[in-house]
Amino acid sequence: MGYRRLRIPGATYFFTLVLQDRNASLLTDHIDTLRSAMVAVKRRYPVRVDGMVVLPEHLHMVWTLPCGDSDYSTRISMLKSLFSKSLPLTRDRTPSQQKREDKGIWQRRFWEHWIRDELDFHRHIDYVHINPVKHGLVARANQWPYSSIHRYIREGDLPPNWAADMPLMEHD
């Protein structure tokens, strides 16, 4: 099946990457490994990380690519690969996964959305930051340690009590 993705050089995108096992906690259990992988990706293929949240079994990112560059797929592939290679095999793999040398950690695809304008950008950054609350991991967004919300608060772009007056959201 062919997937068509919109590729605009220098654009901003929202991404969701998900583990195959939706009950796993590999991303938060191995957060330093994920951080190291992200540093390596950014060193090889520069990208501005506008926002990011890491939950136990999925992550959301808002990236702005460099001017003239639209290759987010290589960056995401490298991130997933570097993270996976650092982990031991944890379960049986299908013949297809063995052939591709895939550890079976990640879902093969990822979700991507082109950020169209400033309002779309802010909506997606807010979504990133509220996601741990949405999933019932914390009561308030600033309580989740693996989120860019802390940078936004530190730089004065968000108040420390951002979204504190929101009613708690239910699980998906």
N, C-alpha and C. Protein backbone atom coordinates (compact mmCIF):
# COMPACT_ATOMS: atom_id res chain seq x y z
N MET A 1 0.85 -1.18 0.00
CA MET A 1 0.00 0.00 0.00
C MET A 1 0.89 1.24 0.00
N GLY A 2 0.64 2.14 -0.91
CA GLY A 2 1.44 3.36 -0.99
C GLY A 2 0.83 4.47 -0.16
N TYR A 3 1.64 5.07 0.69
CA TYR A 3 1.18 6.20 1.50
C TYR A 3 1.69 7.48 0.88
N ARG A 4 0.81 8.44 0.76
CA ARG A 4 1.20 9.73 0.21
C ARG A 4 1.36 10.69 1.36
N ARG A 5 2.52 11.28 1.43
CA ARG A 5 2.80 12.24 2.49
C ARG A 5 3.11 13.59 1.85
N LEU A 6 2.67 14.62 2.54
CA LEU A 6 2.93 15.98 2.09
C LEU A 6 4.33 16.37 2.54
N ARG A 7 5.15 16.79 1.62
CA ARG A 7 6.53 17.17 1.94
C ARG A 7 6.78 18.60 1.47
N ILE A 8 6.89 19.49 2.44
CA ILE A 8 7.10 20.91 2.15
C ILE A 8 8.41 21.32 2.81
N PRO A 9 9.40 21.73 2.01
CA PRO A 9 10.69 22.13 2.60
C PRO A 9 10.52 23.26 3.61
N GLY A 10 11.18 23.11 4.75
CA GLY A 10 11.16 24.13 5.79
C GLY A 10 9.88 24.23 6.58
N ALA A 11 8.96 23.30 6.36
CA ALA A 11 7.65 23.36 7.01
C ALA A 11 7.71 22.82 8.44
N THR A 12 6.63 23.04 9.15
CA THR A 12 6.46 22.53 10.51
C THR A 12 5.42 21.41 10.46
N TYR A 13 5.72 20.32 11.18
CA TYR A 13 4.86 19.14 11.19
C TYR A 13 4.62 18.65 12.61
N PHE A 14 3.48 18.02 12.80
CA PHE A 14 3.15 17.31 14.03
C PHE A 14 3.26 15.82 13.72
N PHE A 15 3.91 15.06 14.60
CA PHE A 15 4.08 13.62 14.41
C PHE A 15 3.63 12.86 15.65
N THR A 16 3.13 11.66 15.40
CA THR A 16 2.86 10.70 16.47
C THR A 16 3.54 9.40 16.09
N LEU A 17 4.34 8.87 17.02
CA LEU A 17 5.00 7.58 16.86
C LEU A 17 4.51 6.69 17.98
N VAL A 18 4.18 5.45 17.65
CA VAL A 18 3.54 4.55 18.61
C VAL A 18 4.26 3.21 18.65
N LEU A 19 4.40 2.67 19.85
CA LEU A 19 4.95 1.33 20.01
C LEU A 19 3.92 0.30 19.55
N GLN A 20 4.41 -0.86 19.11
CA GLN A 20 3.48 -1.94 18.74
C GLN A 20 2.67 -2.39 19.94
N ASP A 21 3.31 -2.51 21.07
CA ASP A 21 2.63 -2.95 22.28
C ASP A 21 2.12 -1.72 23.01
N ARG A 22 0.82 -1.47 22.90
CA ARG A 22 0.24 -0.27 23.51
C ARG A 22 0.21 -0.35 25.04
N ASN A 23 0.58 -1.48 25.61
CA ASN A 23 0.65 -1.62 27.07
C ASN A 23 2.08 -1.50 27.58
N ALA A 24 3.02 -1.30 26.69
CA ALA A 24 4.43 -1.21 27.07
C ALA A 24 4.74 0.17 27.66
N SER A 25 5.88 0.26 28.30
CA SER A 25 6.35 1.55 28.83
C SER A 25 7.81 1.77 28.45
N LEU A 26 8.19 1.24 27.30
CA LEU A 26 9.59 1.31 26.86
C LEU A 26 10.10 2.74 26.73
N LEU A 27 9.26 3.65 26.25
CA LEU A 27 9.74 5.00 25.99
C LEU A 27 10.12 5.73 27.27
N THR A 28 9.31 5.61 28.30
CA THR A 28 9.64 6.26 29.56
C THR A 28 10.63 5.43 30.37
N ASP A 29 10.57 4.12 30.25
CA ASP A 29 11.55 3.26 30.95
C ASP A 29 12.97 3.50 30.44
N HIS A 30 13.07 3.87 29.17
CA HIS A 30 14.38 4.07 28.53
C HIS A 30 14.48 5.50 27.99
N ILE A 31 14.04 6.46 28.79
CA ILE A 31 13.99 7.85 28.33
C ILE A 31 15.38 8.39 27.96
N ASP A 32 16.42 7.99 28.68
CA ASP A 32 17.76 8.48 28.34
C ASP A 32 18.21 7.95 26.99
N THR A 33 17.84 6.74 26.67
CA THR A 33 18.15 6.16 25.36
C THR A 33 17.43 6.92 24.26
N LEU A 34 16.17 7.25 24.50
CA LEU A 34 15.41 8.02 23.52
C LEU A 34 16.01 9.41 23.35
N ARG A 35 16.40 10.04 24.44
CA ARG A 35 17.03 11.37 24.36
C ARG A 35 18.33 11.30 23.56
N SER A 36 19.14 10.29 23.82
CA SER A 36 20.40 10.13 23.07
C SER A 36 20.13 9.93 21.59
N ALA A 37 19.11 9.16 21.27
CA ALA A 37 18.76 8.95 19.86
C ALA A 37 18.34 10.27 19.22
N MET A 38 17.57 11.08 19.95
CA MET A 38 17.13 12.37 19.41
C MET A 38 18.31 13.31 19.19
N VAL A 39 19.25 13.31 20.11
CA VAL A 39 20.44 14.15 19.95
C VAL A 39 21.22 13.72 18.70
N ALA A 40 21.35 12.42 18.50
CA ALA A 40 22.07 11.91 17.33
C ALA A 40 21.36 12.29 16.04
N VAL A 41 20.03 12.19 16.02
CA VAL A 41 19.26 12.58 14.84
C VAL A 41 19.48 14.05 14.54
N LYS A 42 19.35 14.90 15.56
CA LYS A 42 19.50 16.34 15.36
C LYS A 42 20.91 16.73 14.93
N ARG A 43 21.89 15.98 15.39
CA ARG A 43 23.27 16.26 14.99
C ARG A 43 23.47 15.94 13.51
N ARG A 44 22.90 14.83 13.06
CA ARG A 44 23.08 14.39 11.67
C ARG A 44 22.14 15.12 10.71
N TYR A 45 20.90 15.32 11.16
CA TYR A 45 19.87 15.95 10.34
C TYR A 45 19.19 17.04 11.19
N PRO A 46 19.71 18.24 11.17
CA PRO A 46 19.17 19.29 12.03
C PRO A 46 17.65 19.45 11.87
N VAL A 47 17.02 19.73 12.98
CA VAL A 47 15.59 19.99 13.02
C VAL A 47 15.32 20.76 14.30
N ARG A 48 14.37 21.68 14.26
CA ARG A 48 13.98 22.39 15.48
C ARG A 48 12.81 21.64 16.11
N VAL A 49 12.97 21.25 17.36
CA VAL A 49 11.91 20.57 18.09
C VAL A 49 11.10 21.66 18.81
N ASP A 50 9.95 21.98 18.25
CA ASP A 50 9.11 23.04 18.81
C ASP A 50 8.34 22.55 20.03
N GLY A 51 8.02 21.28 20.06
CA GLY A 51 7.32 20.69 21.18
C GLY A 51 7.42 19.19 21.13
N MET A 52 7.38 18.57 22.31
CA MET A 52 7.48 17.11 22.35
C MET A 52 6.98 16.62 23.69
N VAL A 53 6.33 15.47 23.67
CA VAL A 53 5.95 14.78 24.89
C VAL A 53 6.17 13.30 24.66
N VAL A 54 6.75 12.65 25.66
CA VAL A 54 7.00 11.22 25.60
C VAL A 54 6.13 10.56 26.66
N LEU A 55 5.25 9.68 26.22
CA LEU A 55 4.42 8.89 27.11
C LEU A 55 4.96 7.46 27.10
N PRO A 56 4.47 6.59 27.95
CA PRO A 56 5.06 5.25 28.02
C PRO A 56 5.10 4.49 26.69
N GLU A 57 4.04 4.61 25.87
CA GLU A 57 3.98 3.81 24.64
C GLU A 57 3.81 4.62 23.36
N HIS A 58 3.82 5.93 23.45
CA HIS A 58 3.80 6.76 22.25
C HIS A 58 4.40 8.12 22.55
N LEU A 59 4.70 8.85 21.48
CA LEU A 59 5.22 10.20 21.64
C LEU A 59 4.64 11.09 20.55
N HIS A 60 4.57 12.37 20.88
CA HIS A 60 4.13 13.39 19.93
C HIS A 60 5.24 14.42 19.81
N MET A 61 5.45 14.91 18.59
CA MET A 61 6.48 15.91 18.35
C MET A 61 5.96 16.95 17.36
N VAL A 62 6.40 18.18 17.55
CA VAL A 62 6.20 19.23 16.56
C VAL A 62 7.60 19.66 16.14
N TRP A 63 7.89 19.45 14.87
CA TRP A 63 9.22 19.75 14.32
C TRP A 63 9.09 20.79 13.23
N THR A 64 10.10 21.67 13.15
CA THR A 64 10.26 22.56 12.01
C THR A 64 11.55 22.16 11.30
N LEU A 65 11.41 21.85 10.03
CA LEU A 65 12.56 21.42 9.23
C LEU A 65 13.33 22.63 8.72
N PRO A 66 14.62 22.44 8.44
CA PRO A 66 15.41 23.53 7.89
C PRO A 66 14.90 23.97 6.52
N CYS A 67 15.17 25.21 6.19
CA CYS A 67 14.81 25.74 4.88
C CYS A 67 15.37 24.84 3.79
N GLY A 68 14.55 24.47 2.83
CA GLY A 68 14.99 23.64 1.72
C GLY A 68 14.99 22.15 2.01
N ASP A 69 14.59 21.74 3.20
CA ASP A 69 14.63 20.33 3.61
C ASP A 69 13.22 19.86 3.93
N SER A 70 12.81 18.75 3.34
CA SER A 70 11.49 18.18 3.61
C SER A 70 11.56 16.73 4.07
N ASP A 71 12.76 16.26 4.40
CA ASP A 71 12.95 14.84 4.70
C ASP A 71 12.77 14.51 6.18
N TYR A 72 11.53 14.53 6.62
CA TYR A 72 11.26 14.13 8.00
C TYR A 72 11.28 12.61 8.16
N SER A 73 10.99 11.89 7.09
CA SER A 73 10.95 10.42 7.19
C SER A 73 12.30 9.83 7.59
N THR A 74 13.37 10.36 7.05
CA THR A 74 14.70 9.87 7.41
C THR A 74 14.97 10.12 8.89
N ARG A 75 14.61 11.27 9.37
CA ARG A 75 14.81 11.61 10.78
C ARG A 75 14.03 10.66 11.70
N ILE A 76 12.77 10.43 11.35
CA ILE A 76 11.94 9.56 12.18
C ILE A 76 12.45 8.13 12.11
N SER A 77 12.82 7.68 10.94
CA SER A 77 13.37 6.33 10.80
C SER A 77 14.63 6.17 11.64
N MET A 78 15.49 7.17 11.60
CA MET A 78 16.73 7.11 12.38
C MET A 78 16.43 7.11 13.88
N LEU A 79 15.49 7.93 14.31
CA LEU A 79 15.12 7.98 15.73
C LEU A 79 14.61 6.61 16.19
N LYS A 80 13.70 6.03 15.43
CA LYS A 80 13.15 4.74 15.79
C LYS A 80 14.24 3.66 15.78
N SER A 81 15.08 3.69 14.78
CA SER A 81 16.13 2.70 14.65
C SER A 81 17.16 2.78 15.77
N LEU A 82 17.65 3.98 16.05
CA LEU A 82 18.65 4.13 17.11
C LEU A 82 18.09 3.71 18.47
N PHE A 83 16.85 4.07 18.72
CA PHE A 83 16.22 3.66 19.99
C PHE A 83 16.10 2.14 20.04
N SER A 84 15.59 1.55 18.99
CA SER A 84 15.38 0.10 18.95
C SER A 84 16.68 -0.68 19.07
N LYS A 85 17.71 -0.24 18.36
CA LYS A 85 18.98 -0.97 18.37
C LYS A 85 19.61 -1.02 19.76
N SER A 86 19.28 -0.07 20.58
CA SER A 86 19.88 -0.02 21.92
C SER A 86 19.19 -0.96 22.91
N LEU A 87 18.03 -1.50 22.51
CA LEU A 87 17.27 -2.37 23.41
C LEU A 87 17.45 -3.84 23.03
N PRO A 88 17.42 -4.71 24.02
CA PRO A 88 17.51 -6.14 23.70
C PRO A 88 16.20 -6.63 23.07
N LEU A 89 16.29 -7.77 22.39
CA LEU A 89 15.07 -8.38 21.88
C LEU A 89 14.19 -8.76 23.06
N THR A 90 12.93 -8.42 22.99
CA THR A 90 12.05 -8.65 24.13
C THR A 90 10.98 -9.70 23.86
N ARG A 91 10.78 -10.07 22.60
CA ARG A 91 9.74 -11.06 22.31
C ARG A 91 9.98 -11.65 20.92
N ASP A 92 9.19 -12.66 20.59
CA ASP A 92 9.30 -13.28 19.28
C ASP A 92 8.95 -12.28 18.19
N ARG A 93 9.62 -12.43 17.07
CA ARG A 93 9.35 -11.56 15.93
C ARG A 93 8.78 -12.38 14.79
N THR A 94 7.99 -11.72 13.98
CA THR A 94 7.43 -12.37 12.80
C THR A 94 8.54 -12.57 11.77
N PRO A 95 8.36 -13.48 10.83
CA PRO A 95 9.36 -13.65 9.76
C PRO A 95 9.63 -12.34 9.01
N SER A 96 8.58 -11.54 8.80
CA SER A 96 8.74 -10.25 8.11
C SER A 96 9.64 -9.32 8.93
N GLN A 97 9.43 -9.28 10.25
CA GLN A 97 10.26 -8.44 11.11
C GLN A 97 11.71 -8.94 11.12
N GLN A 98 11.88 -10.24 11.13
CA GLN A 98 13.23 -10.80 11.10
C GLN A 98 13.93 -10.43 9.80
N LYS A 99 13.23 -10.53 8.69
CA LYS A 99 13.80 -10.21 7.38
C LYS A 99 14.24 -8.74 7.32
N ARG A 100 13.42 -7.85 7.90
CA ARG A 100 13.72 -6.42 7.89
C ARG A 100 14.66 -6.03 9.02
N GLU A 101 15.06 -7.00 9.85
CA GLU A 101 15.87 -6.74 11.05
C GLU A 101 15.15 -5.75 11.96
N ASP A 102 13.84 -5.93 12.08
CA ASP A 102 12.97 -5.09 12.89
C ASP A 102 12.74 -5.79 14.22
N LYS A 103 12.99 -5.10 15.31
CA LYS A 103 12.81 -5.71 16.63
C LYS A 103 11.35 -5.80 17.05
N GLY A 104 10.48 -5.24 16.27
CA GLY A 104 9.06 -5.32 16.60
C GLY A 104 8.65 -4.38 17.72
N ILE A 105 9.40 -3.30 17.90
CA ILE A 105 9.11 -2.35 18.98
C ILE A 105 8.10 -1.30 18.54
N TRP A 106 8.29 -0.77 17.35
CA TRP A 106 7.46 0.34 16.86
C TRP A 106 6.40 -0.14 15.89
N GLN A 107 5.29 0.57 15.83
CA GLN A 107 4.37 0.40 14.71
C GLN A 107 5.13 0.88 13.47
N ARG A 108 4.90 0.24 12.35
CA ARG A 108 5.68 0.55 11.15
C ARG A 108 5.45 1.97 10.63
N ARG A 109 4.27 2.43 10.71
CA ARG A 109 3.94 3.76 10.19
C ARG A 109 4.00 4.79 11.31
N PHE A 110 3.85 6.04 10.92
CA PHE A 110 3.72 7.13 11.90
C PHE A 110 2.70 8.12 11.34
N TRP A 111 2.12 8.89 12.26
CA TRP A 111 1.16 9.91 11.87
C TRP A 111 1.89 11.22 11.66
N GLU A 112 1.55 11.91 10.60
CA GLU A 112 2.15 13.21 10.30
C GLU A 112 1.06 14.18 9.89
N HIS A 113 1.18 15.42 10.33
CA HIS A 113 0.23 16.47 9.99
C HIS A 113 1.03 17.74 9.72
N TRP A 114 0.82 18.34 8.57
CA TRP A 114 1.47 19.60 8.22
C TRP A 114 0.77 20.72 8.99
N ILE A 115 1.55 21.51 9.69
CA ILE A 115 1.04 22.66 10.45
C ILE A 115 0.81 23.80 9.46
N ARG A 116 -0.43 24.20 9.33
CA ARG A 116 -0.81 25.14 8.28
C ARG A 116 -0.61 26.61 8.63
N ASP A 117 -0.78 26.96 9.91
CA ASP A 117 -0.68 28.37 10.28
C ASP A 117 -0.41 28.46 11.79
N GLU A 118 -0.37 29.69 12.28
CA GLU A 118 -0.05 29.93 13.70
C GLU A 118 -1.08 29.30 14.64
N LEU A 119 -2.35 29.39 14.30
CA LEU A 119 -3.39 28.80 15.13
C LEU A 119 -3.24 27.27 15.18
N ASP A 120 -2.98 26.66 14.04
CA ASP A 120 -2.76 25.21 13.97
C ASP A 120 -1.54 24.83 14.81
N PHE A 121 -0.48 25.64 14.74
CA PHE A 121 0.72 25.40 15.53
C PHE A 121 0.39 25.39 17.02
N HIS A 122 -0.29 26.43 17.48
CA HIS A 122 -0.60 26.53 18.91
C HIS A 122 -1.54 25.42 19.37
N ARG A 123 -2.46 25.03 18.54
CA ARG A 123 -3.36 23.92 18.89
C ARG A 123 -2.57 22.62 19.07
N HIS A 124 -1.62 22.39 18.21
CA HIS A 124 -0.84 21.15 18.30
C HIS A 124 0.15 21.19 19.47
N ILE A 125 0.73 22.34 19.73
CA ILE A 125 1.60 22.46 20.91
C ILE A 125 0.78 22.23 22.17
N ASP A 126 -0.41 22.81 22.24
CA ASP A 126 -1.28 22.58 23.39
C ASP A 126 -1.63 21.10 23.51
N TYR A 127 -1.91 20.45 22.40
CA TYR A 127 -2.23 19.02 22.40
C TYR A 127 -1.06 18.21 22.95
N VAL A 128 0.14 18.53 22.52
CA VAL A 128 1.35 17.87 23.02
C VAL A 128 1.41 18.01 24.54
N HIS A 129 1.23 19.22 25.02
CA HIS A 129 1.42 19.48 26.44
C HIS A 129 0.31 18.91 27.32
N ILE A 130 -0.91 18.82 26.81
CA ILE A 130 -2.01 18.30 27.62
C ILE A 130 -2.12 16.78 27.54
N ASN A 131 -1.39 16.15 26.64
CA ASN A 131 -1.54 14.72 26.41
C ASN A 131 -1.35 13.83 27.64
N PRO A 132 -0.39 14.10 28.52
CA PRO A 132 -0.28 13.24 29.72
C PRO A 132 -1.51 13.34 30.62
N VAL A 133 -2.16 14.49 30.63
CA VAL A 133 -3.39 14.66 31.40
C VAL A 133 -4.50 13.87 30.72
N LYS A 134 -4.59 14.00 29.42
CA LYS A 134 -5.60 13.30 28.63
C LYS A 134 -5.54 11.79 28.88
N HIS A 135 -4.34 11.27 29.03
CA HIS A 135 -4.16 9.82 29.22
C HIS A 135 -4.17 9.41 30.69
N GLY A 136 -4.46 10.36 31.57
CA GLY A 136 -4.60 10.04 32.98
C GLY A 136 -3.30 9.76 33.71
N LEU A 137 -2.19 10.22 33.15
CA LEU A 137 -0.88 9.97 33.78
C LEU A 137 -0.57 10.97 34.89
N VAL A 138 -1.11 12.17 34.77
CA VAL A 138 -0.94 13.22 35.78
C VAL A 138 -2.22 14.06 35.81
N ALA A 139 -2.37 14.80 36.89
CA ALA A 139 -3.54 15.68 37.01
C ALA A 139 -3.33 17.00 36.26
N ARG A 140 -2.09 17.48 36.19
CA ARG A 140 -1.77 18.75 35.55
C ARG A 140 -0.59 18.56 34.61
N ALA A 141 -0.61 19.27 33.50
CA ALA A 141 0.40 19.10 32.46
C ALA A 141 1.82 19.31 32.97
N ASN A 142 2.00 20.27 33.88
CA ASN A 142 3.36 20.57 34.35
C ASN A 142 3.91 19.50 35.30
N GLN A 143 3.11 18.50 35.63
CA GLN A 143 3.58 17.40 36.48
C GLN A 143 4.28 16.30 35.69
N TRP A 144 4.11 16.28 34.38
CA TRP A 144 4.71 15.21 33.56
C TRP A 144 6.15 15.59 33.23
N PRO A 145 7.12 14.75 33.57
CA PRO A 145 8.52 15.13 33.40
C PRO A 145 9.03 15.10 31.96
N TYR A 146 8.38 14.36 31.08
CA TYR A 146 8.91 14.14 29.73
C TYR A 146 8.15 14.98 28.71
N SER A 147 8.17 16.29 28.91
CA SER A 147 7.39 17.20 28.08
C SER A 147 8.13 18.51 27.88
N SER A 148 7.95 19.07 26.71
CA SER A 148 8.53 20.39 26.42
C SER A 148 7.80 21.50 27.17
N ILE A 149 6.72 21.19 27.86
CA ILE A 149 6.02 22.22 28.61
C ILE A 149 6.96 22.92 29.60
N HIS A 150 7.93 22.19 30.12
CA HIS A 150 8.86 22.77 31.10
C HIS A 150 9.72 23.86 30.45
N ARG A 151 10.12 23.67 29.20
CA ARG A 151 10.86 24.70 28.47
C ARG A 151 9.96 25.91 28.22
N TYR A 152 8.71 25.66 27.84
CA TYR A 152 7.78 26.75 27.58
C TYR A 152 7.54 27.57 28.85
N ILE A 153 7.44 26.91 29.99
CA ILE A 153 7.26 27.60 31.27
C ILE A 153 8.52 28.37 31.63
N ARG A 154 9.67 27.72 31.51
CA ARG A 154 10.96 28.34 31.85
C ARG A 154 11.21 29.59 31.01
N GLU A 155 10.84 29.54 29.72
CA GLU A 155 11.08 30.67 28.81
C GLU A 155 9.96 31.72 28.87
N GLY A 156 8.96 31.50 29.71
CA GLY A 156 7.89 32.47 29.88
C GLY A 156 6.80 32.42 28.83
N ASP A 157 6.80 31.39 27.99
CA ASP A 157 5.77 31.27 26.95
C ASP A 157 4.46 30.70 27.49
N LEU A 158 4.53 30.02 28.62
CA LEU A 158 3.35 29.49 29.30
C LEU A 158 3.48 29.75 30.79
N PRO A 159 2.37 30.01 31.47
CA PRO A 159 2.44 30.17 32.92
C PRO A 159 2.62 28.80 33.59
N PRO A 160 3.21 28.75 34.77
CA PRO A 160 3.43 27.47 35.46
C PRO A 160 2.15 26.66 35.68
N ASN A 161 1.03 27.34 35.81
CA ASN A 161 -0.23 26.65 36.06
C ASN A 161 -1.06 26.49 34.78
N TRP A 162 -0.41 26.49 33.62
CA TRP A 162 -1.10 26.38 32.34
C TRP A 162 -2.09 25.21 32.37
N ALA A 163 -3.30 25.48 31.97
CA ALA A 163 -4.38 24.49 31.84
C ALA A 163 -4.82 23.93 33.19
N ALA A 164 -4.40 24.54 34.30
CA ALA A 164 -4.78 24.03 35.62
C ALA A 164 -6.27 24.15 35.87
N ASP A 165 -6.93 25.07 35.16
CA ASP A 165 -8.35 25.24 35.37
C ASP A 165 -9.20 24.38 34.42
N MET A 166 -8.53 23.59 33.59
CA MET A 166 -9.25 22.70 32.68
C MET A 166 -9.84 21.53 33.46
N PRO A 167 -11.04 21.11 33.10
CA PRO A 167 -11.54 19.90 33.73
C PRO A 167 -10.66 18.72 33.30
N LEU A 168 -10.48 17.77 34.19
CA LEU A 168 -9.66 16.62 33.86
C LEU A 168 -10.30 15.85 32.70
N MET A 169 -9.45 15.42 31.79
CA MET A 169 -9.92 14.71 30.61
C MET A 169 -9.95 13.21 30.90
N GLU A 170 -10.83 12.52 30.21
CA GLU A 170 -10.90 11.08 30.37
C GLU A 170 -9.90 10.39 29.48
N HIS A 171 -9.60 9.15 29.82
CA HIS A 171 -8.74 8.30 29.01
C HIS A 171 -9.32 8.10 27.63
N ASP A 172 -8.44 7.77 26.67
CA ASP A 172 -8.91 7.34 25.35
C ASP A 172 -9.50 5.96 25.47
